[in-house]
């Protein structure tokens, strides 16, 4: 997957804004290239795990598909644990 620095910066900003909790969201794109980041509320509101809000997940997918893109990734931050 190719992703622009601007979209990476958007995900990092999201992670910082949601501290101390983990953030989560979806990445939309086409042909293996990311075109958008859609923030989804972490229903778990936890610094140790994430759980995408079901309605937010549904709305996010509708937004991605409505733009003619497809879901190509999901992201979340690790605020209190190592990435694995």
N, C-alpha and C. Protein backbone atom coordinates (compact mmCIF):
# COMPACT_ATOMS: atom_id res chain seq x y z
N UNK A 1 0.83 -1.17 0.00
CA UNK A 1 0.00 0.00 0.00
C UNK A 1 0.89 1.24 0.00
N UNK A 2 0.51 2.23 -0.80
CA UNK A 2 1.16 3.53 -0.80
C UNK A 2 0.30 4.49 0.01
N UNK A 3 0.96 5.29 0.82
CA UNK A 3 0.24 6.27 1.63
C UNK A 3 1.05 7.56 1.70
N UNK A 4 0.39 8.67 1.50
CA UNK A 4 1.08 9.96 1.49
C UNK A 4 1.47 10.38 2.90
N UNK A 5 2.45 11.25 2.98
CA UNK A 5 2.88 11.79 4.27
C UNK A 5 1.74 12.57 4.92
N UNK A 6 0.91 13.22 4.12
CA UNK A 6 -0.22 13.99 4.67
C UNK A 6 -1.20 13.06 5.41
N UNK A 7 -1.47 11.88 4.86
CA UNK A 7 -2.37 10.95 5.53
C UNK A 7 -1.72 10.34 6.78
N UNK A 8 -0.42 10.09 6.70
CA UNK A 8 0.30 9.62 7.90
C UNK A 8 0.22 10.67 8.99
N UNK A 9 0.45 11.92 8.62
CA UNK A 9 0.37 13.02 9.59
C UNK A 9 -1.03 13.12 10.20
N UNK A 10 -2.06 12.86 9.39
CA UNK A 10 -3.44 12.90 9.89
C UNK A 10 -3.68 11.80 10.93
N UNK A 11 -3.14 10.61 10.68
CA UNK A 11 -3.28 9.52 11.65
C UNK A 11 -2.52 9.82 12.94
N UNK A 12 -1.33 10.37 12.82
CA UNK A 12 -0.54 10.73 14.00
C UNK A 12 -1.27 11.81 14.81
N UNK A 13 -1.83 12.80 14.13
CA UNK A 13 -2.59 13.85 14.82
C UNK A 13 -3.78 13.24 15.56
N UNK A 14 -4.46 12.30 14.91
CA UNK A 14 -5.59 11.62 15.54
C UNK A 14 -5.14 10.91 16.81
N UNK A 15 -4.03 10.19 16.73
CA UNK A 15 -3.51 9.47 17.89
C UNK A 15 -3.18 10.43 19.03
N UNK A 16 -2.58 11.56 18.72
CA UNK A 16 -2.23 12.54 19.76
C UNK A 16 -3.47 13.17 20.37
N UNK A 17 -4.48 13.44 19.56
CA UNK A 17 -5.70 14.06 20.06
C UNK A 17 -6.48 13.13 20.98
N UNK A 18 -6.40 11.83 20.74
CA UNK A 18 -7.17 10.87 21.54
C UNK A 18 -6.43 10.38 22.78
N UNK A 19 -5.20 10.83 22.99
CA UNK A 19 -4.47 10.43 24.20
C UNK A 19 -5.29 10.77 25.44
N UNK A 20 -5.29 9.95 26.46
CA UNK A 20 -4.42 8.80 26.65
C UNK A 20 -4.95 7.51 26.03
N UNK A 21 -6.11 7.57 25.38
CA UNK A 21 -6.71 6.37 24.81
C UNK A 21 -6.18 6.07 23.42
N UNK A 22 -6.33 4.83 23.01
CA UNK A 22 -6.00 4.45 21.64
C UNK A 22 -7.00 5.09 20.70
N UNK A 23 -6.54 5.43 19.51
CA UNK A 23 -7.44 5.89 18.46
C UNK A 23 -7.59 4.76 17.45
N UNK A 24 -8.60 4.88 16.59
CA UNK A 24 -8.77 3.88 15.54
C UNK A 24 -9.49 4.51 14.36
N UNK A 25 -9.29 3.92 13.20
CA UNK A 25 -9.93 4.43 12.01
C UNK A 25 -9.72 3.52 10.82
N UNK A 26 -10.24 3.99 9.70
CA UNK A 26 -10.18 3.22 8.46
C UNK A 26 -9.41 4.01 7.42
N UNK A 27 -8.80 3.27 6.50
CA UNK A 27 -8.08 3.88 5.39
C UNK A 27 -8.77 3.45 4.11
N UNK A 28 -9.19 4.43 3.33
CA UNK A 28 -9.82 4.15 2.06
C UNK A 28 -8.86 4.44 0.92
N UNK A 29 -9.06 3.76 -0.18
CA UNK A 29 -8.20 4.00 -1.33
C UNK A 29 -8.62 3.14 -2.50
N UNK A 30 -7.76 3.18 -3.51
CA UNK A 30 -8.00 2.35 -4.70
C UNK A 30 -6.67 2.00 -5.33
N UNK A 31 -6.63 0.85 -5.94
CA UNK A 31 -5.42 0.37 -6.62
C UNK A 31 -4.20 0.39 -5.71
N UNK A 32 -4.42 0.06 -4.43
CA UNK A 32 -3.30 -0.03 -3.49
C UNK A 32 -2.76 1.30 -3.01
N UNK A 33 -3.45 2.40 -3.30
CA UNK A 33 -3.00 3.72 -2.86
C UNK A 33 -4.05 4.36 -1.96
N UNK A 34 -3.63 4.73 -0.75
CA UNK A 34 -4.54 5.36 0.21
C UNK A 34 -4.94 6.75 -0.28
N UNK A 35 -6.23 7.05 -0.14
CA UNK A 35 -6.73 8.35 -0.55
C UNK A 35 -7.39 9.11 0.58
N UNK A 36 -7.74 8.40 1.66
CA UNK A 36 -8.42 9.06 2.76
C UNK A 36 -8.25 8.28 4.05
N UNK A 37 -8.34 9.00 5.15
CA UNK A 37 -8.37 8.43 6.49
C UNK A 37 -9.71 8.83 7.10
N UNK A 38 -10.41 7.85 7.67
CA UNK A 38 -11.69 8.12 8.31
C UNK A 38 -11.56 7.76 9.79
N UNK A 39 -11.67 8.75 10.64
CA UNK A 39 -11.59 8.51 12.08
C UNK A 39 -12.85 7.81 12.56
N UNK A 40 -12.66 6.82 13.43
CA UNK A 40 -13.77 6.11 14.04
C UNK A 40 -13.59 6.20 15.55
N UNK A 41 -14.67 6.42 16.28
CA UNK A 41 -14.59 6.51 17.73
C UNK A 41 -14.18 5.17 18.33
N UNK A 42 -13.29 5.21 19.30
CA UNK A 42 -12.92 4.01 20.04
C UNK A 42 -13.96 3.81 21.14
N UNK A 43 -14.89 2.90 20.91
CA UNK A 43 -15.97 2.66 21.87
C UNK A 43 -15.44 2.12 23.19
N UNK A 44 -14.27 1.50 23.20
CA UNK A 44 -13.68 0.98 24.43
C UNK A 44 -13.12 2.11 25.29
N UNK A 45 -12.80 3.25 24.68
CA UNK A 45 -12.24 4.40 25.42
C UNK A 45 -11.14 3.92 26.37
N UNK A 46 -10.18 3.20 25.83
CA UNK A 46 -9.15 2.56 26.63
C UNK A 46 -7.75 2.86 26.10
N UNK A 47 -6.79 3.00 26.99
CA UNK A 47 -5.40 3.15 26.55
C UNK A 47 -4.75 1.81 26.20
N UNK A 48 -5.46 0.70 26.42
CA UNK A 48 -4.89 -0.62 26.18
C UNK A 48 -5.50 -1.38 25.01
N UNK A 49 -6.67 -0.95 24.53
CA UNK A 49 -7.31 -1.66 23.43
C UNK A 49 -8.24 -0.71 22.68
N UNK A 50 -8.67 -1.16 21.52
CA UNK A 50 -9.64 -0.37 20.78
C UNK A 50 -10.79 -1.26 20.33
N UNK A 51 -11.93 -0.64 20.17
CA UNK A 51 -13.13 -1.30 19.66
C UNK A 51 -13.86 -0.25 18.83
N UNK A 52 -13.90 -0.45 17.53
CA UNK A 52 -14.55 0.53 16.67
C UNK A 52 -16.03 0.63 17.00
N UNK A 53 -16.51 1.85 17.18
CA UNK A 53 -17.92 2.09 17.37
C UNK A 53 -18.66 1.52 16.16
N UNK A 54 -19.65 0.63 16.37
CA UNK A 54 -20.31 -0.02 15.24
C UNK A 54 -20.95 0.95 14.25
N UNK A 55 -21.66 1.96 14.74
CA UNK A 55 -22.29 2.91 13.83
C UNK A 55 -21.23 3.72 13.09
N UNK A 56 -20.18 4.11 13.80
CA UNK A 56 -19.08 4.83 13.16
C UNK A 56 -18.41 4.00 12.08
N UNK A 57 -18.25 2.72 12.35
CA UNK A 57 -17.64 1.81 11.37
C UNK A 57 -18.53 1.71 10.13
N UNK A 58 -19.82 1.58 10.33
CA UNK A 58 -20.76 1.51 9.21
C UNK A 58 -20.73 2.81 8.40
N UNK A 59 -20.81 3.94 9.11
CA UNK A 59 -20.79 5.23 8.43
C UNK A 59 -19.47 5.47 7.70
N UNK A 60 -18.37 5.06 8.32
CA UNK A 60 -17.06 5.22 7.69
C UNK A 60 -16.94 4.43 6.41
N UNK A 61 -17.45 3.21 6.42
CA UNK A 61 -17.40 2.39 5.21
C UNK A 61 -18.29 2.99 4.12
N UNK A 62 -19.45 3.51 4.51
CA UNK A 62 -20.32 4.18 3.54
C UNK A 62 -19.61 5.39 2.93
N UNK A 63 -18.89 6.16 3.74
CA UNK A 63 -18.16 7.32 3.25
C UNK A 63 -17.09 6.90 2.23
N UNK A 64 -16.35 5.86 2.58
CA UNK A 64 -15.29 5.37 1.70
C UNK A 64 -15.87 4.88 0.38
N UNK A 65 -16.87 4.03 0.47
CA UNK A 65 -17.47 3.47 -0.75
C UNK A 65 -18.21 4.54 -1.55
N UNK A 66 -18.80 5.51 -0.87
CA UNK A 66 -19.50 6.59 -1.55
C UNK A 66 -18.58 7.46 -2.39
N UNK A 67 -17.31 7.48 -2.03
CA UNK A 67 -16.31 8.24 -2.78
C UNK A 67 -15.70 7.40 -3.91
N UNK A 68 -16.21 6.17 -4.07
CA UNK A 68 -15.68 5.30 -5.12
C UNK A 68 -14.41 4.57 -4.72
N UNK A 69 -14.09 4.60 -3.43
CA UNK A 69 -12.91 3.91 -2.92
C UNK A 69 -13.33 2.60 -2.27
N UNK A 70 -12.34 1.87 -1.79
CA UNK A 70 -12.60 0.66 -1.03
C UNK A 70 -11.78 0.69 0.24
N UNK A 71 -12.18 -0.09 1.22
CA UNK A 71 -11.44 -0.20 2.47
C UNK A 71 -10.14 -0.93 2.19
N UNK A 72 -9.01 -0.28 2.44
CA UNK A 72 -7.72 -0.94 2.20
C UNK A 72 -6.90 -1.08 3.48
N UNK A 73 -7.42 -0.55 4.60
CA UNK A 73 -6.69 -0.70 5.84
C UNK A 73 -7.45 -0.18 7.03
N UNK A 74 -7.04 -0.65 8.20
CA UNK A 74 -7.56 -0.18 9.48
C UNK A 74 -6.34 0.20 10.30
N UNK A 75 -6.44 1.30 11.04
CA UNK A 75 -5.31 1.71 11.87
C UNK A 75 -5.77 1.91 13.30
N UNK A 76 -4.81 1.80 14.21
CA UNK A 76 -5.04 2.16 15.61
C UNK A 76 -3.69 2.44 16.25
N UNK A 77 -3.73 3.17 17.33
CA UNK A 77 -2.50 3.55 18.02
C UNK A 77 -2.22 2.59 19.17
N UNK A 78 -0.99 2.59 19.63
CA UNK A 78 -0.59 1.83 20.82
C UNK A 78 -0.05 2.86 21.81
N UNK A 79 -0.87 3.21 22.79
CA UNK A 79 -0.42 4.23 23.74
C UNK A 79 0.23 3.67 25.00
N UNK A 80 -0.10 2.43 25.31
CA UNK A 80 0.44 1.83 26.54
C UNK A 80 1.07 0.46 26.32
N UNK A 81 1.15 0.03 25.07
CA UNK A 81 1.73 -1.28 24.79
C UNK A 81 2.53 -1.23 23.50
N UNK A 82 3.42 -2.16 23.36
CA UNK A 82 4.23 -2.23 22.15
C UNK A 82 3.39 -2.71 20.98
N UNK A 83 3.70 -2.22 19.81
CA UNK A 83 3.02 -2.70 18.60
C UNK A 83 3.44 -4.13 18.33
N UNK A 84 2.51 -4.93 17.85
CA UNK A 84 2.83 -6.32 17.48
C UNK A 84 1.90 -6.78 16.40
